[in-house]
Protein backbone atom coordinates (compact mmCIF):
# COMPACT_ATOMS: atom_id res chain seq x y z
CA MET A 1 -0.01 -0.01 -0.05
CA GLY A 2 1.15 3.64 -0.64
CA GLU A 3 1.85 6.29 1.71
CA ARG A 4 1.54 10.03 1.42
CA VAL A 5 3.67 12.73 2.83
CA ASP A 6 4.33 16.35 1.97
CA ALA A 7 7.96 15.93 1.22
CA VAL A 8 10.41 12.94 0.84
CA VAL A 9 14.05 13.88 1.69
CA ILE A 10 16.22 11.32 -0.10
CA GLY A 11 19.26 10.93 2.35
CA ALA A 12 19.70 10.99 6.08
CA GLY A 13 23.16 12.60 6.35
CA VAL A 14 23.66 15.79 8.35
CA ILE A 15 22.32 18.03 5.58
CA GLY A 16 19.33 15.73 4.81
CA ALA A 17 18.34 15.58 8.49
CA ALA A 18 18.81 19.48 8.82
CA VAL A 19 16.48 20.04 5.78
CA ALA A 20 13.91 17.70 7.35
CA PHE A 21 14.09 19.35 10.64
CA GLU A 22 13.74 22.93 9.07
CA LEU A 23 10.78 21.70 6.71
CA SER A 24 9.06 20.02 9.67
CA LYS A 25 9.20 23.18 11.68
CA ARG A 26 7.27 24.88 8.99
CA GLY A 27 4.51 22.40 9.17
CA TYR A 28 5.65 20.00 6.41
CA LYS A 29 5.09 16.28 6.92
CA THR A 30 8.46 14.87 6.01
CA LEU A 31 9.92 11.42 5.41
CA ASN A 32 13.73 10.80 5.09
CA VAL A 33 14.61 7.58 3.11
CA ASP A 34 18.03 6.08 3.38
CA LYS A 35 19.34 2.81 2.40
CA LEU A 36 21.83 2.73 5.26
CA PRO A 37 20.75 1.66 8.87
CA ALA A 38 20.95 4.87 10.70
CA SER A 39 21.09 8.65 10.23
CA GLY A 40 24.73 9.93 9.60
CA TYR A 41 25.90 6.38 8.93
CA GLY A 42 27.36 7.27 5.40
CA PRO A 43 30.05 9.87 4.57
CA THR A 44 28.69 12.07 7.31
CA SER A 45 30.13 9.62 9.82
CA ASN A 46 33.52 10.03 8.30
CA SER A 47 33.32 13.77 8.06
CA CYS A 48 36.16 15.78 9.59
CA ALA A 49 33.27 18.11 10.92
CA ILE A 50 35.44 21.15 10.83
CA VAL A 51 33.74 24.46 11.37
CA ARG A 52 35.67 27.42 9.70
CA ALA A 53 34.75 30.51 7.58
CA HIS A 54 37.55 30.81 5.05
CA TYR A 55 35.83 30.16 1.74
CA SER A 56 36.66 31.85 -1.52
CA SER A 57 33.34 33.75 -1.90
CA PHE A 58 31.22 36.17 0.19
CA ASP A 59 28.47 33.88 0.02
CA GLY A 60 30.44 30.94 1.12
CA VAL A 61 31.96 32.88 4.11
CA ALA A 62 28.55 34.29 5.11
CA MET A 63 26.95 30.81 5.04
CA ALA A 64 29.73 29.33 7.23
CA TYR A 65 29.85 32.21 9.68
CA GLU A 66 26.10 31.80 10.13
CA GLY A 67 26.95 28.15 11.04
CA PHE A 68 29.24 29.15 13.92
CA PHE A 69 26.17 30.45 15.82
CA TYR A 70 24.13 27.38 15.30
CA TRP A 71 26.82 25.07 16.70
CA LYS A 72 27.42 27.40 19.62
CA ASP A 73 23.69 27.40 20.32
CA TRP A 74 23.07 23.74 19.50
CA PRO A 75 20.83 22.71 22.52
CA ASN A 76 18.64 25.77 22.06
CA TYR A 77 18.45 25.36 18.22
CA LEU A 78 17.47 21.70 18.52
CA ASP A 79 14.89 22.35 21.25
CA THR A 80 14.52 18.73 21.99
CA VAL A 81 16.29 15.77 23.94
CA ASP A 82 18.31 13.08 22.30
CA GLU A 83 18.58 9.96 24.49
CA HIS A 84 22.22 9.58 23.10
CA GLY A 85 23.14 12.94 24.33
CA LEU A 86 24.25 16.15 22.23
CA ALA A 87 27.28 16.63 20.01
CA LYS A 88 29.65 19.14 21.31
CA TYR A 89 31.19 21.98 19.51
CA MET A 90 34.88 22.03 20.07
CA ASN A 91 35.92 25.76 19.81
CA SER A 92 39.58 25.22 19.00
CA GLY A 93 40.12 28.15 16.53
CA THR A 94 41.50 27.96 13.01
CA ILE A 95 44.82 28.98 11.80
CA LEU A 96 44.86 29.84 8.11
CA LEU A 97 48.55 29.97 7.02
CA LYS A 98 49.45 32.67 4.64
CA SER A 99 50.74 31.01 1.67
CA ALA A 100 51.34 31.39 -2.06
CA THR A 101 47.85 30.21 -2.66
CA ALA A 102 46.86 33.77 -1.67
CA HIS A 103 43.61 32.30 -0.23
CA HIS A 104 43.90 34.41 2.98
CA GLY A 105 43.85 37.49 0.62
CA LYS A 106 40.46 36.42 -0.75
CA VAL A 107 38.83 35.79 2.66
CA ILE A 108 39.97 38.91 4.60
CA PRO A 109 37.61 41.30 2.78
CA HIS A 110 34.76 38.93 3.33
CA TYR A 111 35.61 38.76 6.99
CA GLU A 112 35.78 42.62 7.21
CA ARG A 113 32.37 42.97 5.47
CA LEU A 114 30.59 40.33 7.66
CA GLY A 115 32.27 41.07 10.99
CA VAL A 116 33.98 37.84 11.28
CA GLU A 117 36.28 38.05 14.30
CA TYR A 118 39.96 37.25 13.32
CA GLU A 119 43.51 38.02 14.14
CA ASP A 120 46.25 38.86 11.73
CA TRP A 121 49.47 37.13 12.81
CA ASP A 122 52.90 37.87 11.61
CA THR A 123 55.56 35.11 11.44
CA LYS A 124 56.84 35.80 14.97
CA THR A 125 53.28 35.57 16.31
CA LEU A 126 52.63 32.41 14.55
CA GLN A 127 55.93 30.83 15.87
CA GLU A 128 54.99 31.90 19.39
CA LYS A 129 51.47 30.64 19.23
CA MET A 130 52.35 27.33 17.63
CA PRO A 131 55.90 26.58 18.68
CA ILE A 132 55.73 23.15 17.33
CA PHE A 133 55.34 24.45 13.67
CA ASP A 134 58.12 24.91 11.26
CA VAL A 135 57.33 28.26 9.68
CA HIS A 136 59.29 27.87 6.42
CA ALA A 137 57.38 28.25 3.01
CA PHE A 138 57.34 24.85 1.37
CA TRP A 139 55.29 25.92 -1.65
CA PRO A 140 54.51 24.34 -4.18
CA PRO A 141 53.14 21.18 -2.64
CA THR A 142 54.83 18.02 -3.79
CA ARG A 143 54.80 14.32 -3.03
CA PRO A 144 57.64 12.45 -1.18
CA ASP A 145 58.94 10.92 -4.38
CA ASP A 146 59.81 14.44 -5.50
CA PRO A 147 63.70 14.76 -5.36
CA HIS A 148 63.46 18.20 -3.46
CA PHE A 149 60.58 17.18 -1.08
CA PHE A 150 62.86 17.01 2.06
CA ASP A 151 64.91 20.12 1.28
CA THR A 152 64.69 22.94 3.73
CA PRO A 153 63.60 26.16 2.05
CA ASP A 154 65.15 29.61 2.96
CA GLU A 155 61.84 31.55 2.79
CA LEU A 156 59.48 31.92 5.72
CA LEU A 157 55.63 32.21 5.77
CA PRO A 158 54.43 35.68 6.15
CA GLY A 159 52.23 34.63 9.07
CA ALA A 160 48.59 33.54 9.49
CA ILE A 161 44.98 34.46 9.93
CA TYR A 162 43.41 33.26 13.07
CA THR A 163 39.66 33.05 13.68
CA PRO A 164 38.81 32.24 17.34
CA GLY A 165 35.33 31.23 16.54
CA SER A 166 36.17 28.22 14.44
CA GLY A 167 36.63 24.65 15.62
CA TYR A 168 35.12 21.30 14.84
CA VAL A 169 32.13 19.03 16.04
CA SER A 170 33.08 16.32 18.36
CA ASP A 171 30.86 13.53 16.78
CA PRO A 172 29.33 14.17 13.35
CA ALA A 173 27.09 11.08 13.50
CA LEU A 174 25.75 12.15 16.85
CA ALA A 175 25.14 15.62 15.59
CA THR A 176 23.06 13.99 12.79
CA HIS A 177 21.12 11.88 15.10
CA ASN A 178 20.46 14.99 17.18
CA LEU A 179 18.91 16.52 14.11
CA GLN A 180 16.86 13.37 13.36
CA ARG A 181 15.36 13.50 16.94
CA ALA A 182 14.71 17.22 16.45
CA ALA A 183 12.95 16.57 13.07
CA GLU A 184 10.92 13.77 14.65
CA ALA A 185 9.77 16.02 17.58
CA LYS A 186 8.26 18.23 14.98
CA GLY A 187 6.55 15.23 13.18
CA GLY A 188 9.13 14.07 10.76
CA ARG A 189 9.76 10.37 10.13
CA PHE A 190 12.88 8.52 9.01
CA LEU A 191 12.94 5.19 7.15
CA PHE A 192 16.22 3.31 6.95
CA LYS A 193 17.48 0.22 4.94
CA ARG A 194 15.26 1.37 1.97
CA LYS A 195 16.60 2.40 -1.42
CA VAL A 196 14.93 4.78 -3.83
CA THR A 197 14.66 2.91 -7.23
CA GLY A 198 12.31 5.46 -8.97
CA ILE A 199 11.14 9.06 -9.02
CA ARG A 200 7.60 9.18 -10.15
CA ARG A 201 5.84 11.94 -11.96
CA ASP A 202 2.18 13.22 -11.77
CA ASN A 203 0.78 15.58 -14.13
CA GLY A 204 4.02 17.38 -14.94
CA ARG A 205 5.56 17.53 -11.60
CA VAL A 206 7.14 15.16 -9.13
CA GLY A 207 4.61 12.70 -7.71
CA GLY A 208 6.77 10.67 -5.31
CA VAL A 209 9.25 7.85 -4.98
CA THR A 210 9.31 4.10 -5.40
CA LEU A 211 11.43 2.04 -3.00
CA ASP A 212 13.25 -1.12 -3.55
CA ASP A 213 10.60 -3.19 -1.91
CA GLY A 214 8.09 -1.99 -4.34
CA GLN A 215 6.41 0.43 -2.03
CA ASP A 216 5.35 3.98 -3.47
CA ILE A 217 5.50 6.95 -1.36
CA ASP A 218 3.42 9.78 -2.73
CA ALA A 219 4.84 13.38 -2.20
CA ARG A 220 4.48 16.55 -4.21
CA ILE A 221 8.00 17.49 -2.91
CA VAL A 222 11.10 15.36 -3.32
CA VAL A 223 14.53 16.78 -2.05
CA ASN A 224 17.81 14.99 -3.32
CA VAL A 225 20.17 15.11 -0.43
CA ALA A 226 21.85 11.91 -1.42
CA GLY A 227 25.41 12.89 -1.01
CA PRO A 228 27.86 11.03 -3.40
CA HIS A 229 24.80 9.28 -5.01
CA SER A 230 23.34 12.83 -5.82
CA PHE A 231 24.12 12.31 -9.70
CA VAL A 232 22.49 8.90 -9.55
CA ILE A 233 19.20 10.38 -8.15
CA ASN A 234 19.26 13.36 -10.48
CA ARG A 235 19.58 11.09 -13.60
CA MET A 236 16.70 8.91 -12.03
CA ALA A 237 14.55 12.05 -11.86
CA GLY A 238 15.63 13.02 -15.43
CA VAL A 239 16.79 16.41 -14.27
CA GLU A 240 20.54 16.32 -15.01
CA ASP A 241 20.31 17.69 -18.62
CA GLY A 242 18.73 20.77 -17.26
CA MET A 243 21.64 21.53 -15.02
CA LYS A 244 24.71 23.64 -16.14
CA ILE A 245 26.49 22.67 -13.02
CA LYS A 246 26.57 18.83 -12.27
CA THR A 247 27.98 16.54 -9.52
CA LYS A 248 30.22 13.43 -9.44
CA ALA A 249 31.76 11.34 -6.71
CA LEU A 250 35.46 11.72 -5.47
CA ARG A 251 37.46 9.25 -3.37
CA HIS A 252 39.05 10.90 -0.41
CA GLU A 253 41.45 9.65 2.38
CA VAL A 254 41.80 11.26 5.95
CA HIS A 255 44.61 9.99 8.05
CA HIS A 256 45.25 9.95 11.97
CA VAL A 257 48.51 10.22 13.67
CA PRO A 258 49.64 10.74 17.17
CA SER A 259 50.50 14.20 18.63
CA PRO A 260 54.20 14.92 18.65
CA PRO A 261 55.87 13.96 22.01
CA GLY A 262 55.39 16.52 24.64
CA PHE A 263 52.71 18.40 23.12
CA ASP A 264 48.93 18.07 23.67
CA PHE A 265 47.62 18.87 20.35
CA GLU A 266 43.94 17.78 21.33
CA LYS A 267 43.99 20.41 24.15
CA ASN A 268 46.34 23.07 22.79
CA GLY A 269 46.23 22.60 19.00
CA CYS A 270 43.98 24.34 16.41
CA HIS A 271 42.49 23.36 13.09
CA THR A 272 44.94 24.49 10.54
CA SER A 273 44.55 25.21 6.86
CA ASP A 274 48.13 24.75 5.45
CA GLY A 275 47.68 25.66 1.85
CA ASP A 276 51.52 25.86 1.44
CA ASN A 277 51.49 22.00 2.00
CA ALA A 278 48.02 21.43 0.55
CA ILE A 279 46.73 19.74 3.68
CA TYR A 280 44.43 20.63 6.59
CA PHE A 281 44.67 19.08 10.08
CA ARG A 282 42.92 19.36 13.27
CA PRO A 283 42.84 17.99 16.96
CA GLU A 284 41.30 14.60 17.26
CA THR A 285 40.26 12.48 20.32
CA GLY A 286 43.03 10.68 22.16
CA ASN A 287 45.56 13.44 21.55
CA HIS A 288 45.86 12.66 17.83
CA ILE A 289 45.84 14.74 14.71
CA LEU A 290 43.58 14.20 11.82
CA ILE A 291 45.08 15.06 8.41
CA GLY A 292 43.33 15.85 5.12
CA SER A 293 44.28 16.76 1.61
CA GLU A 294 43.42 20.19 0.09
CA ASP A 295 43.51 18.58 -3.28
CA PRO A 296 46.75 19.92 -5.03
CA ASP A 297 47.61 19.28 -8.71
CA CYS A 298 50.24 16.83 -7.64
CA ASP A 299 47.71 14.42 -5.88
CA PRO A 300 45.73 12.13 -8.21
CA GLN A 301 41.91 12.57 -8.17
CA VAL A 302 40.06 9.38 -8.16
CA TRP A 303 36.58 10.00 -9.58
CA VAL A 304 34.16 7.19 -8.80
CA GLU A 305 31.49 6.02 -11.46
CA ASN A 306 29.62 3.75 -9.05
CA PRO A 307 29.43 5.14 -5.40
CA ASP A 308 28.62 1.61 -4.15
CA ASP A 309 31.94 0.27 -5.27
CA PHE A 310 35.21 1.91 -4.56
CA ASN A 311 38.44 1.13 -2.70
CA ARG A 312 37.80 1.81 0.99
CA LEU A 313 41.38 0.89 2.13
CA ILE A 314 44.08 3.39 2.98
CA THR A 315 46.62 3.54 0.07
CA HIS A 316 50.34 3.65 1.14
CA GLU A 317 50.91 6.49 -1.52
CA GLN A 318 48.32 9.01 -0.16
CA TRP A 319 49.10 8.21 3.47
CA GLU A 320 52.69 9.01 2.80
CA ALA A 321 51.98 12.20 0.94
CA GLN A 322 49.54 13.63 3.44
CA VAL A 323 51.24 12.58 6.65
CA TYR A 324 54.79 13.59 5.32
CA ARG A 325 53.53 16.95 4.29
CA CYS A 326 52.25 17.36 7.91
CA ALA A 327 55.61 16.45 9.23
CA ARG A 328 57.14 19.22 7.30
CA ARG A 329 55.10 21.65 9.22
CA ILE A 330 55.31 19.69 12.51
CA PRO A 331 58.94 18.38 12.48
CA ALA A 332 58.56 16.51 15.81
CA LEU A 333 55.63 14.47 14.43
CA GLU A 334 56.34 10.69 14.78
CA ILE A 335 55.03 8.80 11.80
CA PRO A 336 53.46 5.36 12.80
CA ASN A 337 54.44 2.23 10.89
CA GLU A 338 50.79 1.26 10.45
CA PRO A 339 48.57 3.76 8.59
CA LYS A 340 45.30 4.77 10.26
CA GLY A 341 42.48 6.80 8.86
CA VAL A 342 39.27 6.58 6.78
CA VAL A 343 38.21 6.53 3.19
CA ASP A 344 34.99 7.81 1.71
CA LEU A 345 33.45 9.92 -0.98
CA TYR A 346 33.02 13.44 -1.55
CA ASP A 347 30.02 14.82 -3.41
CA CYS A 348 31.62 17.40 -5.69
CA SER A 349 30.14 19.95 -8.12
CA ASP A 350 32.03 21.11 -11.22
CA ASP A 351 33.28 24.15 -9.30
CA TRP A 352 33.30 22.66 -5.79
CA ILE A 353 30.39 25.12 -4.70
CA PRO A 354 27.20 23.17 -3.76
CA ILE A 355 23.84 23.22 -5.65
CA TYR A 356 21.12 24.22 -3.35
CA ASP A 357 18.26 24.75 -5.81
CA LYS A 358 14.99 23.71 -7.41
CA SER A 359 15.12 21.62 -10.62
CA ASP A 360 13.39 21.58 -14.05
CA LEU A 361 10.97 19.06 -12.55
CA PRO A 362 8.46 20.94 -10.38
CA GLY A 363 8.64 19.66 -6.83
CA PHE A 364 12.13 18.20 -7.18
CA TYR A 365 14.71 20.07 -5.26
CA MET A 366 18.45 19.48 -4.63
CA ALA A 367 20.96 20.03 -1.91
CA VAL A 368 24.02 18.34 -3.70
CA GLY A 369 27.57 18.91 -4.45
CA THR A 370 28.56 19.33 -0.96
CA SER A 371 32.15 18.29 -1.67
CA GLY A 372 33.40 17.38 1.68
CA ASN A 373 33.16 21.03 3.01
CA GLN A 374 29.56 21.48 3.93
CA PHE A 375 29.14 19.62 7.25
CA LYS A 376 29.57 22.95 9.13
CA ASN A 377 26.88 24.42 7.05
CA ALA A 378 24.20 21.86 7.46
CA PRO A 379 21.81 23.83 9.78
CA PRO A 380 21.94 27.05 7.81
CA VAL A 381 21.49 25.01 4.62
CA GLY A 382 18.44 23.38 6.17
CA HIS A 383 16.95 26.96 6.83
CA LEU A 384 17.86 28.07 3.28
CA MET A 385 16.44 25.12 1.60
CA ALA A 386 13.21 25.13 3.62
CA GLU A 387 12.78 28.82 2.80
CA LEU A 388 13.40 28.03 -0.90
CA ILE A 389 11.13 25.04 -1.02
CA ASP A 390 8.36 26.84 0.86
CA ALA A 391 8.47 29.92 -1.53
CA CYS A 392 8.56 27.85 -4.71
CA GLU A 393 5.76 25.68 -3.68
CA LYS A 394 3.67 29.03 -3.14
CA GLY A 395 4.60 30.03 -6.59
CA HIS A 396 7.74 32.08 -6.44
CA GLU A 397 9.72 31.88 -9.64
CA HIS A 398 13.34 31.16 -8.33
CA ASP A 399 15.11 30.95 -11.55
CA GLY A 400 13.94 34.30 -12.79
CA ASP A 401 13.98 36.00 -9.31
CA PRO A 402 16.49 34.31 -6.96
CA MET A 403 15.33 33.80 -3.37
CA GLN A 404 16.92 36.22 -0.84
CA VAL A 405 17.06 34.40 2.51
CA THR A 406 17.90 36.15 5.72
CA MET A 407 19.66 34.09 8.19
CA PRO A 408 18.53 33.77 11.76
CA TYR A 409 21.60 34.53 13.69
CA THR A 410 23.61 37.00 11.74
CA GLY A 411 20.82 38.70 9.94
CA VAL A 412 22.79 38.41 6.77
CA THR A 413 20.63 38.13 3.58
CA LEU A 414 22.00 35.39 1.31
CA ASN A 415 21.35 35.26 -2.41
CA ALA A 416 20.11 31.60 -3.03
CA GLY A 417 20.81 32.12 -6.67
CA PHE A 418 24.61 31.86 -5.95
CA TYR A 419 23.88 28.09 -5.59
CA SER A 420 22.01 27.72 -8.79
CA ARG A 421 22.15 24.67 -10.94
CA LEU A 422 22.11 27.28 -13.81
CA ARG A 423 25.09 29.33 -12.98
CA ASP A 424 28.33 29.53 -14.79
CA ILE A 425 31.34 27.65 -13.23
CA ASN A 426 32.66 30.11 -10.47
CA GLU A 427 36.21 30.96 -11.43
CA ASN A 428 36.80 32.47 -7.96
CA SER A 429 36.41 29.07 -6.43
CA SER A 430 39.34 27.33 -4.92
CA PHE A 431 38.46 24.21 -6.98
CA SER A 432 39.24 22.25 -3.87
CA VAL A 433 37.73 21.28 -0.48
CA ASN A 434 38.26 24.84 0.68
CA GLY A 435 35.27 25.75 -1.62
């Protein structure tokens, strides 16, 4: 027998759960469908869950800065109880090293315009604040098989930009479960271990979804928040040809190493964006350091055609590349013999900026292309998507007159058209996880 809801949300990762919560708050009867056994069980669970503001665009910085306040106000925002407890916001701060990428030069004007709190450190201050850092400039990023990889350069970094409001979320899967419980408290439902196999149409608009057990769910709204499977769902819905910006899945590795002897990085370390070495790293539980890549040209990109079939094992080559780059910045780092880390997929758009939009199929919406850098933005994205969906369902023509969405905490008005599927590739993007 069929079932009817107002909105089916495909995916129960952190953004899917946030969209459901925000729609439920507005009175929509929502149902999240996910083929995995629990919310936040997929790539969300392997997210680095970093909360930082240094995006390439004003819109990116504005969205991320708004996110700071959601995470700091997490219990009040959720307004519910989770029997598993609440995820914690670890307010470690972020160090954005000044490097030849000039990324810091892009973000400072946006910080100034939005009032993002930051400190401008010179080289001496950087060394004082982070005595374990080697402050030499290693640009350009290379791999350990480069003959000059282990050379000590003469030039020093000019300093860093520090944002004290940044940090990371202690448990990304728990944060997602918190959002699930918050959505359920408003009447939302979650259906696990069910796969969407069809997007149905009804009189020229979306009519609902069909599941792998043959069940039909009727809904006049379907939201694709399927992460690395987003392109699969868009093709299923027949909307990909109507998109100028598309998405695809990228395999990514993140590695864990112990903090250097004598330094408690979990307590005294900061999330650090080291564009000079094309890595980022942050404190991790157990006095460890978590290391990820900022996708330099020297690192091979592994695009995945089938998101259900990819190599989930750490590779020696990428482990060595990322950990050795971190050891250049932290010379006292002791490199373990046994690699440890996680492998998962990013959902990348053509310019690494997400698509938060309607589609050519009325009633079918997308929150996709989230590229490994949108965990922090899940709550404000939920707000933006709910406002967009609500307006479009009431007749607003978003393509011709892009929605302007006022954010609850900062009061900043975001142009939702920035995230349009019909935009040209944004040449100001970092074309990396930095967004």
